[in-house]
Protein backbone atom coordinates (compact mmCIF):
# COMPACT_ATOMS: atom_id res chain seq x y z
CA UNK A 1 -8.62 -49.12 -5.56
CA UNK A 2 -6.30 -47.33 -3.12
CA UNK A 3 -6.68 -43.72 -2.03
CA UNK A 4 -3.81 -42.67 -4.31
CA UNK A 5 -5.09 -44.43 -7.41
CA UNK A 6 -7.14 -42.94 -10.24
CA UNK A 7 -10.67 -44.18 -10.91
CA UNK A 8 -10.64 -45.48 -14.48
CA UNK A 9 -13.92 -46.59 -16.04
CA UNK A 10 -13.49 -49.39 -18.63
CA UNK A 11 -14.18 -48.56 -22.26
CA UNK A 12 -16.50 -47.87 -23.92
CA UNK A 13 -17.04 -44.80 -21.73
CA UNK A 14 -20.10 -42.61 -21.62
CA UNK A 15 -20.03 -38.86 -21.05
CA UNK A 16 -20.37 -39.27 -17.28
CA UNK A 17 -17.52 -41.79 -17.25
CA UNK A 18 -15.29 -39.32 -19.12
CA UNK A 19 -16.01 -36.61 -16.56
CA UNK A 20 -15.47 -39.02 -13.65
CA UNK A 21 -12.06 -40.09 -14.94
CA UNK A 22 -11.11 -36.50 -15.76
CA UNK A 23 -11.77 -35.20 -12.26
CA UNK A 24 -10.09 -38.25 -10.71
CA UNK A 25 -6.90 -37.59 -12.72
CA UNK A 26 -7.00 -33.88 -11.88
CA UNK A 27 -7.41 -34.49 -8.14
CA UNK A 28 -4.54 -36.99 -8.13
CA UNK A 29 -2.09 -34.62 -9.91
CA UNK A 30 -3.55 -31.23 -8.99
CA UNK A 31 -0.22 -29.75 -7.94
CA UNK A 32 1.52 -30.57 -11.20
CA UNK A 33 -1.37 -29.38 -13.36
CA UNK A 34 -1.88 -26.07 -11.54
CA UNK A 35 1.84 -25.30 -11.43
CA UNK A 36 2.41 -25.97 -15.14
CA UNK A 37 -0.71 -24.02 -16.12
CA UNK A 38 0.29 -21.02 -13.97
CA UNK A 39 3.69 -20.77 -15.66
CA UNK A 40 2.10 -21.18 -19.07
CA UNK A 41 -0.49 -18.44 -18.47
CA UNK A 42 2.07 -16.04 -17.01
CA UNK A 43 4.35 -16.30 -20.04
CA UNK A 44 1.40 -15.80 -22.39
CA UNK A 45 0.19 -12.71 -20.52
CA UNK A 46 3.62 -11.06 -20.53
CA UNK A 47 4.18 -11.67 -24.23
CA UNK A 48 0.75 -10.26 -25.15
CA UNK A 49 1.09 -7.16 -22.95
CA UNK A 50 4.42 -5.99 -24.43
CA UNK A 51 3.19 -5.05 -27.96
CA UNK A 52 0.02 -3.49 -26.51
CA UNK A 53 1.98 -1.20 -24.17
CA UNK A 54 4.34 -0.09 -26.96
CA UNK A 55 1.51 0.56 -29.41
CA UNK A 56 -0.59 2.48 -26.87
CA UNK A 57 2.38 4.72 -26.06
CA UNK A 58 2.92 5.52 -29.75
CA UNK A 59 -0.80 6.17 -30.32
CA UNK A 60 -1.06 8.56 -27.39
CA UNK A 61 1.86 10.60 -28.73
CA UNK A 62 0.33 10.77 -32.19
CA UNK A 63 -3.11 11.78 -30.88
CA UNK A 64 -1.65 14.57 -28.76
CA UNK A 65 0.18 15.98 -31.79
CA UNK A 66 -2.86 15.69 -34.06
CA UNK A 67 -4.74 18.77 -32.76
CA UNK A 68 -1.90 21.20 -33.50
CA UNK A 69 -1.66 20.27 -37.18
CA UNK A 70 -3.44 21.63 -40.24
CA UNK A 71 -5.75 19.56 -42.42
CA UNK A 72 -3.06 18.17 -44.72
CA UNK A 73 -0.84 17.20 -41.81
CA UNK A 74 -3.89 15.75 -40.07
CA UNK A 75 -4.39 13.37 -42.99
CA UNK A 76 -0.74 12.36 -42.73
CA UNK A 77 -1.15 11.83 -38.97
CA UNK A 78 -4.29 9.77 -39.56
CA UNK A 79 -2.33 7.53 -41.91
CA UNK A 80 0.39 7.20 -39.28
CA UNK A 81 -2.21 6.19 -36.69
CA UNK A 82 -3.65 3.62 -39.08
CA UNK A 83 -0.15 2.25 -39.68
CA UNK A 84 0.44 2.07 -35.93
CA UNK A 85 -2.83 0.17 -35.47
CA UNK A 86 -1.78 -2.25 -38.20
CA UNK A 87 1.54 -2.86 -36.51
CA UNK A 88 -0.29 -3.31 -33.21
CA UNK A 89 -2.45 -6.06 -34.71
CA UNK A 90 0.57 -7.70 -36.31
CA UNK A 91 2.56 -7.39 -33.08
CA UNK A 92 -0.19 -9.04 -31.06
CA UNK A 93 -0.48 -11.80 -33.68
CA UNK A 94 3.28 -12.48 -33.57
CA UNK A 95 3.29 -12.37 -29.75
CA UNK A 96 0.36 -14.79 -29.65
CA UNK A 97 2.18 -17.11 -32.05
CA UNK A 98 5.34 -17.07 -29.91
CA UNK A 99 3.33 -17.52 -26.72
CA UNK A 100 1.51 -20.44 -28.28
CA UNK A 101 4.77 -22.07 -29.30
CA UNK A 102 6.10 -21.73 -25.74
CA UNK A 103 2.83 -23.07 -24.35
CA UNK A 104 3.20 -26.19 -26.49
CA UNK A 105 5.99 -27.37 -24.22
CA UNK A 106 3.76 -27.23 -21.15
CA UNK A 107 0.87 -28.76 -23.08
CA UNK A 108 2.95 -31.80 -24.00
CA UNK A 109 4.00 -32.27 -20.38
CA UNK A 110 0.40 -32.07 -19.14
CA UNK A 111 -0.88 -34.51 -21.79
CA UNK A 112 1.82 -36.96 -20.77
CA UNK A 113 0.91 -36.45 -17.10
CA UNK A 114 -2.76 -37.18 -17.79
CA UNK A 115 -1.99 -40.28 -19.86
CA UNK A 116 0.40 -41.65 -17.24
CA UNK A 117 -2.21 -41.11 -14.52
CA UNK A 118 -4.81 -43.09 -16.46
CA UNK A 119 -2.36 -45.98 -16.35
CA UNK A 120 -1.85 -45.60 -12.58
CA UNK A 121 1.65 -44.15 -13.03
CA UNK A 122 2.57 -40.89 -11.35
CA UNK A 123 6.03 -39.67 -12.40
CA UNK A 124 7.56 -36.45 -11.08
CA UNK A 125 7.62 -33.25 -13.14
CA UNK A 126 11.24 -33.91 -14.04
CA UNK A 127 10.33 -37.39 -15.26
CA UNK A 128 7.36 -35.98 -17.17
CA UNK A 129 9.68 -33.58 -18.97
CA UNK A 130 11.79 -36.53 -20.05
CA UNK A 131 8.77 -38.57 -21.14
CA UNK A 132 7.34 -35.69 -23.21
CA UNK A 133 10.66 -34.89 -24.86
CA UNK A 134 10.24 -34.53 -28.60
CA UNK A 135 6.62 -33.41 -28.54
CA UNK A 136 7.52 -29.79 -29.30
CA UNK A 137 9.61 -30.64 -32.34
CA UNK A 138 6.93 -33.01 -33.65
CA UNK A 139 4.05 -30.57 -33.25
CA UNK A 140 5.53 -27.09 -33.71
CA UNK A 141 5.53 -27.20 -37.52
CA UNK A 142 1.88 -28.24 -37.54
CA UNK A 143 1.08 -25.43 -35.12
CA UNK A 144 2.86 -22.77 -37.19
CA UNK A 145 1.33 -24.01 -40.44
CA UNK A 146 -2.18 -24.09 -38.95
CA UNK A 147 -1.76 -20.61 -37.44
CA UNK A 148 -0.52 -19.12 -40.71
CA UNK A 149 -3.26 -20.83 -42.71
CA UNK A 150 -5.93 -19.61 -40.32
CA UNK A 151 -4.47 -16.09 -40.33
CA UNK A 152 -4.42 -15.98 -44.13
CA UNK A 153 -8.03 -17.18 -44.24
CA UNK A 154 -9.13 -14.45 -41.81
CA UNK A 155 -7.16 -11.83 -43.76
CA UNK A 156 -8.80 -12.92 -47.02
CA UNK A 157 -12.23 -12.72 -45.35
CA UNK A 158 -11.74 -9.13 -44.12
CA UNK A 159 -9.98 -7.99 -47.30
CA UNK A 160 -13.18 -6.48 -48.78
CA UNK A 161 -13.52 -4.17 -45.78
CA UNK A 162 -9.91 -3.10 -46.11
CA UNK A 163 -10.31 -2.36 -49.82
CA UNK A 164 -13.47 -0.35 -49.18
CA UNK A 165 -11.77 1.66 -46.44
CA UNK A 166 -8.80 2.36 -48.69
CA UNK A 167 -11.18 3.52 -51.44
CA UNK A 168 -13.00 5.87 -49.07
CA UNK A 169 -9.71 7.29 -47.75
CA UNK A 170 -8.39 7.94 -51.24
CA UNK A 171 -11.58 9.78 -52.20
CA UNK A 172 -11.45 11.87 -49.04
CA UNK A 173 -7.80 12.74 -49.68
CA UNK A 174 -8.62 13.81 -53.25
CA UNK A 175 -11.26 16.22 -51.91
CA UNK A 176 -14.19 14.55 -53.67
CA UNK A 177 -17.60 15.73 -52.43
CA UNK A 178 -21.25 15.41 -53.30
CA UNK A 179 -24.27 13.45 -52.13
CA UNK A 180 -23.95 10.90 -54.94
CA UNK A 181 -20.35 10.22 -53.99
CA UNK A 182 -21.29 9.81 -50.32
CA UNK A 183 -24.04 7.34 -51.22
CA UNK A 184 -21.60 5.39 -53.37
CA UNK A 185 -19.08 5.24 -50.55
CA UNK A 186 -21.76 4.13 -48.07
CA UNK A 187 -22.99 1.39 -50.39
CA UNK A 188 -19.44 0.20 -51.00
CA UNK A 189 -18.62 0.04 -47.29
CA UNK A 190 -21.87 -1.74 -46.37
CA UNK A 191 -21.50 -4.23 -49.21
CA UNK A 192 -17.93 -5.00 -48.24
CA UNK A 193 -18.96 -5.53 -44.62
CA UNK A 194 -21.72 -7.98 -45.59
CA UNK A 195 -19.34 -9.89 -47.84
CA UNK A 196 -16.64 -10.01 -45.18
CA UNK A 197 -19.04 -11.28 -42.52
CA UNK A 198 -20.24 -14.00 -44.90
CA UNK A 199 -16.67 -15.07 -45.65
CA UNK A 200 -15.81 -14.99 -41.94
CA UNK A 201 -18.76 -17.26 -41.20
CA UNK A 202 -17.58 -19.78 -43.79
CA UNK A 203 -14.02 -19.69 -42.44
CA UNK A 204 -15.21 -20.18 -38.86
CA UNK A 205 -17.47 -23.10 -39.81
CA UNK A 206 -14.72 -24.90 -41.75
CA UNK A 207 -12.21 -24.25 -38.95
CA UNK A 208 -14.68 -25.60 -36.38
CA UNK A 209 -15.26 -28.85 -38.27
CA UNK A 210 -11.54 -29.37 -38.87
CA UNK A 211 -10.81 -28.68 -35.19
CA UNK A 212 -13.24 -31.39 -34.12
CA UNK A 213 -11.87 -33.88 -36.65
CA UNK A 214 -8.27 -33.19 -35.53
CA UNK A 215 -8.99 -32.72 -31.82
CA UNK A 216 -6.63 -35.59 -30.92
CA UNK A 217 -3.64 -34.43 -32.97
CA UNK A 218 -1.70 -33.21 -29.92
CA UNK A 219 -2.32 -36.49 -28.11
CA UNK A 220 -1.14 -38.38 -31.19
CA UNK A 221 2.08 -36.34 -31.37
CA UNK A 222 2.71 -36.65 -27.61
CA UNK A 223 1.79 -40.30 -27.04
CA UNK A 224 2.30 -42.02 -30.40
CA UNK A 225 5.48 -40.16 -31.47
CA UNK A 226 3.99 -39.21 -34.83
CA UNK A 227 4.49 -35.89 -36.63
CA UNK A 228 3.52 -34.04 -39.78
CA UNK A 229 1.01 -35.57 -42.14
CA UNK A 230 1.22 -38.94 -40.37
CA UNK A 231 -0.10 -37.32 -37.18
CA UNK A 232 -2.86 -35.52 -39.08
CA UNK A 233 -3.98 -38.73 -40.82
CA UNK A 234 -3.93 -40.65 -37.55
CA UNK A 235 -5.96 -37.99 -35.69
CA UNK A 236 -8.44 -37.78 -38.56
CA UNK A 237 -8.79 -41.57 -38.62
CA UNK A 238 -9.43 -41.82 -34.86
CA UNK A 239 -12.51 -39.60 -35.12
CA UNK A 240 -13.86 -41.47 -38.12
CA UNK A 241 -17.46 -42.56 -37.45
CA UNK A 242 -17.26 -40.75 -34.10
CA UNK A 243 -17.61 -37.11 -35.19
CA UNK A 244 -20.95 -36.40 -33.57
CA UNK A 245 -20.10 -38.08 -30.29
CA UNK A 246 -16.80 -36.19 -30.18
CA UNK A 247 -18.56 -32.93 -30.99
CA UNK A 248 -21.23 -33.53 -28.36
CA UNK A 249 -18.72 -34.30 -25.60
CA UNK A 250 -16.64 -31.22 -26.45
CA UNK A 251 -19.74 -29.00 -26.50
CA UNK A 252 -20.88 -30.26 -23.10
CA UNK A 253 -17.46 -29.58 -21.59
CA UNK A 254 -17.37 -26.14 -23.21
CA UNK A 255 -20.79 -25.27 -21.83
CA UNK A 256 -19.82 -26.46 -18.36
CA UNK A 257 -16.61 -24.40 -18.42
CA UNK A 258 -18.47 -21.32 -19.67
CA UNK A 259 -21.10 -21.76 -16.96
CA UNK A 260 -18.41 -21.83 -14.26
CA UNK A 261 -16.84 -18.64 -15.62
CA UNK A 262 -20.22 -16.92 -15.89
CA UNK A 263 -21.10 -17.80 -12.30
CA UNK A 264 -17.95 -16.05 -11.08
CA UNK A 265 -18.52 -13.05 -13.36
CA UNK A 266 -22.21 -12.59 -12.51
CA UNK A 267 -21.55 -13.03 -8.78
CA UNK A 268 -18.88 -10.32 -8.90
CA UNK A 269 -21.18 -7.97 -10.81
CA UNK A 270 -24.06 -8.49 -8.38
CA UNK A 271 -21.88 -7.87 -5.33
CA UNK A 272 -20.29 -4.73 -6.78
CA UNK A 273 -23.71 -3.40 -7.83
CA UNK A 274 -25.06 -3.91 -4.33
CA UNK A 275 -22.03 -2.21 -2.84
CA UNK A 276 -22.34 0.71 -5.27
CA UNK A 277 -26.03 1.17 -4.47
CA UNK A 278 -25.23 1.25 -0.76
CA UNK A 279 -22.53 3.87 -1.35
CA UNK A 280 -24.82 6.14 -3.40
CA UNK A 281 -27.55 6.03 -0.74
CA UNK A 282 -25.29 7.53 1.95
CA UNK A 283 -25.37 11.25 2.78
CA UNK A 284 -22.60 13.84 2.82
CA UNK A 285 -21.68 14.32 6.54
CA UNK A 286 -18.40 13.27 8.06
CA UNK A 287 -19.60 9.88 9.25
CA UNK A 288 -21.03 9.09 5.82
CA UNK A 289 -17.80 10.20 4.17
CA UNK A 290 -15.87 7.79 6.35
CA UNK A 291 -18.38 5.10 5.50
CA UNK A 292 -17.91 5.83 1.79
CA UNK A 293 -14.15 5.54 2.23
CA UNK A 294 -14.51 2.18 3.94
CA UNK A 295 -16.98 1.01 1.32
CA UNK A 296 -14.62 2.12 -1.43
CA UNK A 297 -11.87 0.04 0.13
CA UNK A 298 -14.26 -2.86 0.44
CA UNK A 299 -15.14 -2.59 -3.24
CA UNK A 300 -11.45 -2.60 -4.10
CA UNK A 301 -10.97 -5.78 -2.09
CA UNK A 302 -14.08 -7.25 -3.70
CA UNK A 303 -12.82 -6.49 -7.20
CA UNK A 304 -9.49 -8.06 -6.34
CA UNK A 305 -11.17 -11.15 -4.92
CA UNK A 306 -13.33 -11.59 -8.04
CA UNK A 307 -10.26 -11.16 -10.24
CA UNK A 308 -8.31 -13.75 -8.26
CA UNK A 309 -11.20 -16.23 -8.40
CA UNK A 310 -11.48 -15.67 -12.17
CA UNK A 311 -7.78 -16.48 -12.59
CA UNK A 312 -8.13 -19.59 -10.42
CA UNK A 313 -11.10 -20.79 -12.48
CA UNK A 314 -9.04 -20.31 -15.63
CA UNK A 315 -6.12 -22.19 -14.07
CA UNK A 316 -8.47 -25.11 -13.42
CA UNK A 317 -10.31 -25.11 -16.76
CA UNK A 318 -7.15 -25.20 -18.94
CA UNK A 319 -5.74 -28.48 -17.53
CA UNK A 320 -9.21 -29.99 -17.16
CA UNK A 321 -9.80 -29.62 -20.89
CA UNK A 322 -6.45 -31.25 -21.70
CA UNK A 323 -7.26 -34.14 -19.36
CA UNK A 324 -10.79 -34.42 -20.75
CA UNK A 325 -9.58 -34.67 -24.35
CA UNK A 326 -6.78 -37.08 -23.37
CA UNK A 327 -9.28 -39.39 -21.65
CA UNK A 328 -11.54 -39.16 -24.72
CA UNK A 329 -8.56 -40.05 -26.90
CA UNK A 330 -7.72 -43.16 -24.85
CA UNK A 331 -11.34 -44.27 -24.84
CA UNK A 332 -11.73 -43.76 -28.59
CA UNK A 333 -8.54 -45.71 -29.34
CA UNK A 334 -9.77 -48.62 -27.18
CA UNK A 335 -13.19 -48.48 -28.83
CA UNK A 336 -11.55 -48.97 -32.22
CA UNK A 337 -9.47 -51.84 -30.87
CA UNK A 338 -12.56 -53.56 -29.45
CA UNK A 339 -14.40 -53.25 -32.74
CA UNK A 340 -18.16 -52.79 -33.11
CA UNK A 341 -19.96 -53.57 -29.86
CA UNK A 342 -23.28 -55.42 -30.28
CA UNK A 343 -24.74 -54.95 -26.81
CA UNK A 344 -28.10 -56.42 -27.73
CA UNK A 345 -26.49 -59.80 -28.43
CA UNK A 346 -23.85 -59.71 -25.72
CA UNK A 347 -21.07 -59.79 -28.30
CA UNK A 348 -17.69 -58.07 -27.98
CA UNK A 349 -18.62 -56.57 -24.62
CA UNK A 350 -15.48 -56.05 -22.49
CA UNK A 351 -15.33 -58.53 -19.62
CA UNK A 352 -18.17 -60.71 -20.94
CA UNK A 353 -17.86 -64.06 -22.78
CA UNK A 354 -18.95 -64.19 -26.38
CA UNK A 355 -21.82 -66.61 -27.02
CA UNK A 356 -22.43 -67.79 -30.54
CA UNK A 357 -25.83 -69.26 -29.72
CA UNK A 358 -26.97 -72.52 -28.05
CA UNK A 359 -25.23 -75.73 -29.13
CA UNK A 360 -27.21 -78.55 -30.66
CA UNK A 361 -27.18 -81.92 -28.87
CA UNK A 362 -26.15 -85.00 -30.78
CA UNK A 363 -28.46 -87.94 -30.78
CA UNK A 364 -31.64 -86.06 -30.03
CA UNK A 365 -34.03 -85.78 -32.97
CA UNK A 366 -36.22 -82.79 -33.40
CA UNK A 367 -39.89 -83.26 -34.17
CA UNK A 368 -42.13 -80.69 -35.78
CA UNK A 369 -44.00 -78.77 -33.13
CA UNK A 370 -42.05 -80.37 -30.27
CA UNK A 371 -39.33 -78.63 -28.28
CA UNK A 372 -35.82 -80.05 -28.40
CA UNK A 373 -34.52 -81.84 -25.34
CA UNK A 374 -32.10 -79.97 -23.14
CA UNK A 375 -32.17 -76.58 -21.53
CA UNK A 376 -34.54 -73.93 -22.78
CA UNK A 377 -33.37 -70.79 -24.51
CA UNK A 378 -31.39 -68.39 -22.36
CA UNK A 379 -31.01 -64.63 -22.72
CA UNK A 380 -28.07 -63.78 -24.93
CA UNK A 381 -24.90 -62.97 -23.08
CA UNK A 382 -26.05 -64.74 -19.83
CA UNK A 383 -24.78 -68.04 -18.43
CA UNK A 384 -27.20 -71.01 -18.48
CA UNK A 385 -29.64 -71.24 -15.58
CA UNK A 386 -30.59 -74.92 -16.09
CA UNK A 387 -28.53 -78.05 -15.86
CA UNK A 388 -26.91 -79.00 -19.20
CA UNK A 389 -28.29 -82.05 -20.89
CA UNK A 390 -26.72 -85.33 -19.83
CA UNK A 391 -25.58 -84.11 -16.37
CA UNK A 392 -27.13 -85.12 -13.06
CA UNK A 393 -29.31 -82.52 -11.41
CA UNK A 394 -28.92 -81.25 -7.87
CA UNK A 395 -32.16 -82.93 -6.81
CA UNK A 396 -31.05 -86.52 -7.31
CA UNK A 397 -33.33 -87.00 -10.33
CA UNK A 398 -32.01 -88.68 -13.47
CA UNK A 399 -31.69 -86.63 -16.62
CA UNK A 400 -34.66 -86.50 -18.90
CA UNK A 401 -35.03 -89.54 -21.14
CA UNK A 402 -32.89 -91.87 -18.93
CA UNK A 403 -34.21 -94.89 -16.99
CA UNK A 404 -34.61 -94.38 -13.24
CA UNK A 405 -31.82 -95.57 -11.04
CA UNK A 406 -32.43 -98.53 -8.72
CA UNK A 407 -32.99 -97.63 -5.06
CA UNK A 408 -29.86 -99.63 -4.09
């Protein structure tokens, strides 16, 4: 293997082999992966910030005007604020949907890059764009349908809370009072919250299982040129009889990624806490004031450094997960092509001959209680260690059961 090649472990791969191949692919194409991920994350951030900035500006104006209004106008303003919040949520949802659709393009390019690297091919970004052409059109309808279906399921789960809130608001607007009414409202709100949380749990569990079963759908669309229901059936079929292994590998990667992010976060918190404690312990004279100023600047630099490191960790984790799943996809496809592997009998093991047992030797009778002539039993899957029957040995002795040769 040359220095520029990618270390590929033959299938079937274990978890360590998947990680080894993933990091080898990432190191070989680190520039392409980081560049594509940076553009993808920048577009997503901009699209999500726009509706938040607009909504915050509208909310601030409404809150400032709320104090100068009477009670009736206050109720009208409260409804306007609730409407603004609703539009904020919808705006963020639409922005996230658009950002996700744009990100699909970069995702297809990175999946193609990872797959090409596992085959020791390293095309340029321009060539990768050509190779991944068509992925967006094949996958975008599935993405939109899945997003809408998931959004409708979440909306149905939180609908009881919305109905309870609307009921409470209508009663407050009508001027209804009394302890019994308050208890009824409290019971209604609490009951709706319990029901909504139960429904949300069911939705999350079903979505989690479906996500694991269809984890390879993007790879199928990008590398097998399938779309729609054909892609869903193919992705579902690939994970058949491999659900728990797929789930376990994904969970391990998720835990490793979360641990890396937590290390950066906790380190930043510890450093800023130590710096803050040092600042509070200083006195109030001129020298201490200058020291506080310098420490304040140091904390600003520290915050910036932690933020930059957090972004870099995110830029690494996003492509690593795509590579990890792509390597899992290739390994699972090859596993299905190899068929069931019976390691205990040395059968169907890649790179090893298939032994169907020891052959019987013609002309040699078998007697009860007596071993058959010829080599003894060998471990399955291993080449013979004794000389086959009927062949001369390396010691110049005749085979068993043959007359000795004359000395001349």
